[in-house]
């Protein structure tokens, strides 16, 4: 496994190496089916992992501003999950944000939501890029090579990368029982 994956091209070449294929020089105008499959799997795994909400892609108070002309808040395809911090429910309809609570897609003022955002591969923390690449490599290899021994080795690499990513996430969030509202409530009774 490459020590540091800096680009999506590095990740794709790591995936190709998992089945013994030669690396490619570019991801522009791709015609190689293996490369297309690598890109598809890598993008899918990147989204799947980020849907879980992490320190780098969660914004607890994100302001969305409606268009001055239409009152619409245009949907960004990188929105993975959002909900109103005021308890209102929203979803995407026809490329714009729709309020399920108010039954409208027209907004007269900005709204604040909690948001999980899909971050591009190159902008993600290195630990996540390594984990996503290891997972995508295993999936790619198991689907297109089918060698049980190789799949097992890739699974072990994936688990190591996953543990390193979780360690990174713990370092970034510094979870503590003191940060838990229920624990604080119990401790304040004393």
Protein backbone atom coordinates (compact mmCIF):
# COMPACT_ATOMS: atom_id res chain seq x y z
CA UNK A 1 0.00 0.00 0.00
CA UNK A 2 1.18 3.52 -0.78
CA UNK A 3 2.16 5.36 2.41
CA UNK A 4 0.45 8.64 1.47
CA UNK A 5 -2.24 8.93 -1.16
CA UNK A 6 -2.26 12.50 -2.37
CA UNK A 7 -4.58 12.31 -5.36
CA UNK A 8 -7.43 10.35 -6.80
CA UNK A 9 -5.00 9.12 -9.48
CA UNK A 10 -2.79 7.63 -6.74
CA UNK A 11 -5.83 5.83 -5.31
CA UNK A 12 -6.89 4.49 -8.71
CA UNK A 13 -3.37 3.20 -9.36
CA UNK A 14 -3.36 1.51 -5.95
CA UNK A 15 -6.64 -0.18 -6.85
CA UNK A 16 -5.27 -1.30 -10.22
CA UNK A 17 -2.20 -2.70 -8.46
CA UNK A 18 -4.51 -4.82 -6.28
CA UNK A 19 -5.34 -6.91 -9.35
CA UNK A 20 -1.90 -6.71 -10.91
CA UNK A 21 -2.75 -4.07 -13.53
CA UNK A 22 -0.32 -1.40 -14.69
CA UNK A 23 -0.78 2.16 -13.40
CA UNK A 24 -2.25 4.92 -15.55
CA UNK A 25 -0.89 8.43 -16.05
CA UNK A 26 -4.18 10.34 -16.11
CA UNK A 27 -7.89 10.11 -15.34
CA UNK A 28 -8.80 12.34 -18.30
CA UNK A 29 -10.70 10.76 -21.20
CA UNK A 30 -10.66 7.30 -19.61
CA UNK A 31 -11.45 4.42 -21.95
CA UNK A 32 -9.99 1.56 -19.91
CA UNK A 33 -12.85 -0.41 -18.34
CA UNK A 34 -10.81 -1.32 -15.26
CA UNK A 35 -10.02 2.36 -14.65
CA UNK A 36 -13.69 3.30 -15.12
CA UNK A 37 -14.68 0.61 -12.62
CA UNK A 38 -12.03 1.83 -10.16
CA UNK A 39 -13.32 5.39 -10.40
CA UNK A 40 -16.91 4.25 -9.89
CA UNK A 41 -16.06 2.09 -6.88
CA UNK A 42 -13.78 4.71 -5.31
CA UNK A 43 -16.46 7.41 -5.66
CA UNK A 44 -19.09 5.08 -4.22
CA UNK A 45 -16.96 4.11 -1.21
CA UNK A 46 -15.98 7.74 -0.61
CA UNK A 47 -19.65 8.73 -0.44
CA UNK A 48 -20.67 5.70 1.60
CA UNK A 49 -18.01 6.35 4.25
CA UNK A 50 -18.71 10.08 4.43
CA UNK A 51 -22.46 9.53 4.90
CA UNK A 52 -21.60 8.38 8.42
CA UNK A 53 -20.66 11.95 9.46
CA UNK A 54 -17.13 12.74 10.58
CA UNK A 55 -15.29 15.68 12.08
CA UNK A 56 -14.18 17.01 8.69
CA UNK A 57 -17.53 16.86 6.86
CA UNK A 58 -20.09 17.76 9.53
CA UNK A 59 -21.25 21.32 9.92
CA UNK A 60 -23.64 21.69 12.90
CA UNK A 61 -24.74 25.20 11.85
CA UNK A 62 -24.59 25.78 8.11
CA UNK A 63 -26.49 28.70 6.61
CA UNK A 64 -28.28 28.27 3.30
CA UNK A 65 -29.23 31.45 1.48
CA UNK A 66 -32.16 31.56 -0.94
CA UNK A 67 -31.79 33.01 -4.42
CA UNK A 68 -32.94 36.65 -4.38
CA UNK A 69 -34.98 36.26 -7.57
CA UNK A 70 -36.72 32.93 -7.02
CA UNK A 71 -36.54 32.31 -3.26
CA UNK A 72 -35.17 28.84 -4.03
CA UNK A 73 -32.25 27.26 -2.25
CA UNK A 74 -30.63 25.22 -4.98
CA UNK A 75 -29.66 21.71 -3.97
CA UNK A 76 -25.95 20.94 -3.97
CA UNK A 77 -25.31 17.30 -5.00
CA UNK A 78 -22.61 17.19 -2.30
CA UNK A 79 -25.26 17.49 0.44
CA UNK A 80 -25.36 14.01 1.97
CA UNK A 81 -27.70 14.77 4.84
CA UNK A 82 -29.23 17.88 6.30
CA UNK A 83 -31.88 18.81 8.81
CA UNK A 84 -33.12 22.04 10.25
CA UNK A 85 -31.68 22.88 13.63
CA UNK A 86 -35.11 24.31 14.44
CA UNK A 87 -36.71 20.88 13.99
CA UNK A 88 -37.93 21.51 10.45
CA UNK A 89 -37.56 18.75 7.90
CA UNK A 90 -36.13 19.28 4.42
CA UNK A 91 -35.42 17.24 1.33
CA UNK A 92 -34.40 17.75 -2.29
CA UNK A 93 -37.14 18.10 -4.89
CA UNK A 94 -36.49 19.06 -8.47
CA UNK A 95 -33.04 20.41 -7.74
CA UNK A 96 -34.12 22.72 -4.91
CA UNK A 97 -34.56 22.43 -1.16
CA UNK A 98 -38.11 21.62 -0.12
CA UNK A 99 -39.47 22.19 3.38
CA UNK A 100 -41.57 19.19 4.38
CA UNK A 101 -42.64 21.08 7.48
CA UNK A 102 -43.90 24.18 5.64
CA UNK A 103 -44.76 22.44 2.35
CA UNK A 104 -42.80 24.92 0.23
CA UNK A 105 -39.67 25.30 -1.82
CA UNK A 106 -39.66 29.10 -1.57
CA UNK A 107 -37.75 30.74 1.26
CA UNK A 108 -37.85 34.42 2.24
CA UNK A 109 -34.77 34.36 4.47
CA UNK A 110 -31.68 32.24 5.10
CA UNK A 111 -32.12 29.01 7.02
CA UNK A 112 -29.66 27.25 9.29
CA UNK A 113 -29.27 23.49 9.08
CA UNK A 114 -26.94 20.81 10.32
CA UNK A 115 -25.21 19.39 7.28
CA UNK A 116 -23.13 16.40 6.30
CA UNK A 117 -21.22 17.36 3.18
CA UNK A 118 -19.45 15.13 0.64
CA UNK A 119 -15.84 16.35 0.56
CA UNK A 120 -13.77 15.67 -2.60
CA UNK A 121 -11.17 12.92 -2.26
CA UNK A 122 -8.16 15.24 -2.45
CA UNK A 123 -9.55 17.47 0.31
CA UNK A 124 -10.16 14.65 2.78
CA UNK A 125 -7.76 13.83 5.60
CA UNK A 126 -4.97 11.45 4.59
CA UNK A 127 -6.21 8.81 7.02
CA UNK A 128 -9.61 8.78 5.32
CA UNK A 129 -8.09 8.68 1.83
CA UNK A 130 -6.04 5.65 2.87
CA UNK A 131 -9.06 3.90 4.36
CA UNK A 132 -11.32 4.63 1.38
CA UNK A 133 -8.62 3.44 -1.03
CA UNK A 134 -8.02 0.24 0.94
CA UNK A 135 -11.75 -0.51 1.07
CA UNK A 136 -12.22 0.31 -2.62
CA UNK A 137 -9.20 -1.85 -3.52
CA UNK A 138 -10.67 -4.83 -1.68
CA UNK A 139 -14.07 -4.39 -3.31
CA UNK A 140 -12.56 -3.94 -6.77
CA UNK A 141 -10.28 -6.95 -6.40
CA UNK A 142 -12.97 -9.22 -5.01
CA UNK A 143 -15.39 -8.28 -7.83
CA UNK A 144 -12.99 -8.43 -10.75
CA UNK A 145 -10.21 -10.80 -9.68
CA UNK A 146 -11.96 -13.06 -7.20
CA UNK A 147 -8.77 -14.44 -5.62
CA UNK A 148 -9.67 -15.32 -2.01
CA UNK A 149 -6.10 -15.00 -0.74
CA UNK A 150 -5.63 -11.55 -2.29
CA UNK A 151 -9.02 -10.46 -0.97
CA UNK A 152 -8.03 -11.58 2.53
CA UNK A 153 -4.76 -9.62 2.37
CA UNK A 154 -6.63 -6.54 1.14
CA UNK A 155 -9.21 -6.99 3.91
CA UNK A 156 -6.42 -6.95 6.51
CA UNK A 157 -4.97 -3.79 4.95
CA UNK A 158 -8.46 -2.26 5.00
CA UNK A 159 -8.88 -3.02 8.69
CA UNK A 160 -5.50 -1.45 9.49
CA UNK A 161 -6.41 1.66 7.49
CA UNK A 162 -9.82 1.77 9.19
CA UNK A 163 -8.22 1.63 12.64
CA UNK A 164 -5.83 4.43 11.69
CA UNK A 165 -8.72 6.54 10.43
CA UNK A 166 -10.70 5.95 13.63
CA UNK A 167 -7.62 6.93 15.63
CA UNK A 168 -7.40 10.13 13.59
CA UNK A 169 -11.08 10.82 14.22
CA UNK A 170 -10.68 10.31 17.96
CA UNK A 171 -7.73 12.70 17.98
CA UNK A 172 -9.78 15.31 16.10
CA UNK A 173 -12.96 15.07 18.17
CA UNK A 174 -11.42 14.26 21.56
CA UNK A 175 -14.52 12.47 22.79
CA UNK A 176 -15.05 12.70 26.51
CA UNK A 177 -17.73 11.73 28.94
CA UNK A 178 -17.57 15.34 30.10
CA UNK A 179 -18.88 16.38 26.64
CA UNK A 180 -21.97 14.21 27.06
CA UNK A 181 -25.06 16.21 28.05
CA UNK A 182 -26.61 13.34 30.02
CA UNK A 183 -23.40 12.78 32.00
CA UNK A 184 -23.11 16.51 32.73
CA UNK A 185 -26.69 16.56 33.98
CA UNK A 186 -26.04 13.66 36.36
CA UNK A 187 -22.77 15.19 37.60
CA UNK A 188 -24.41 18.56 38.27
CA UNK A 189 -26.87 16.92 40.69
CA UNK A 190 -24.01 16.05 43.07
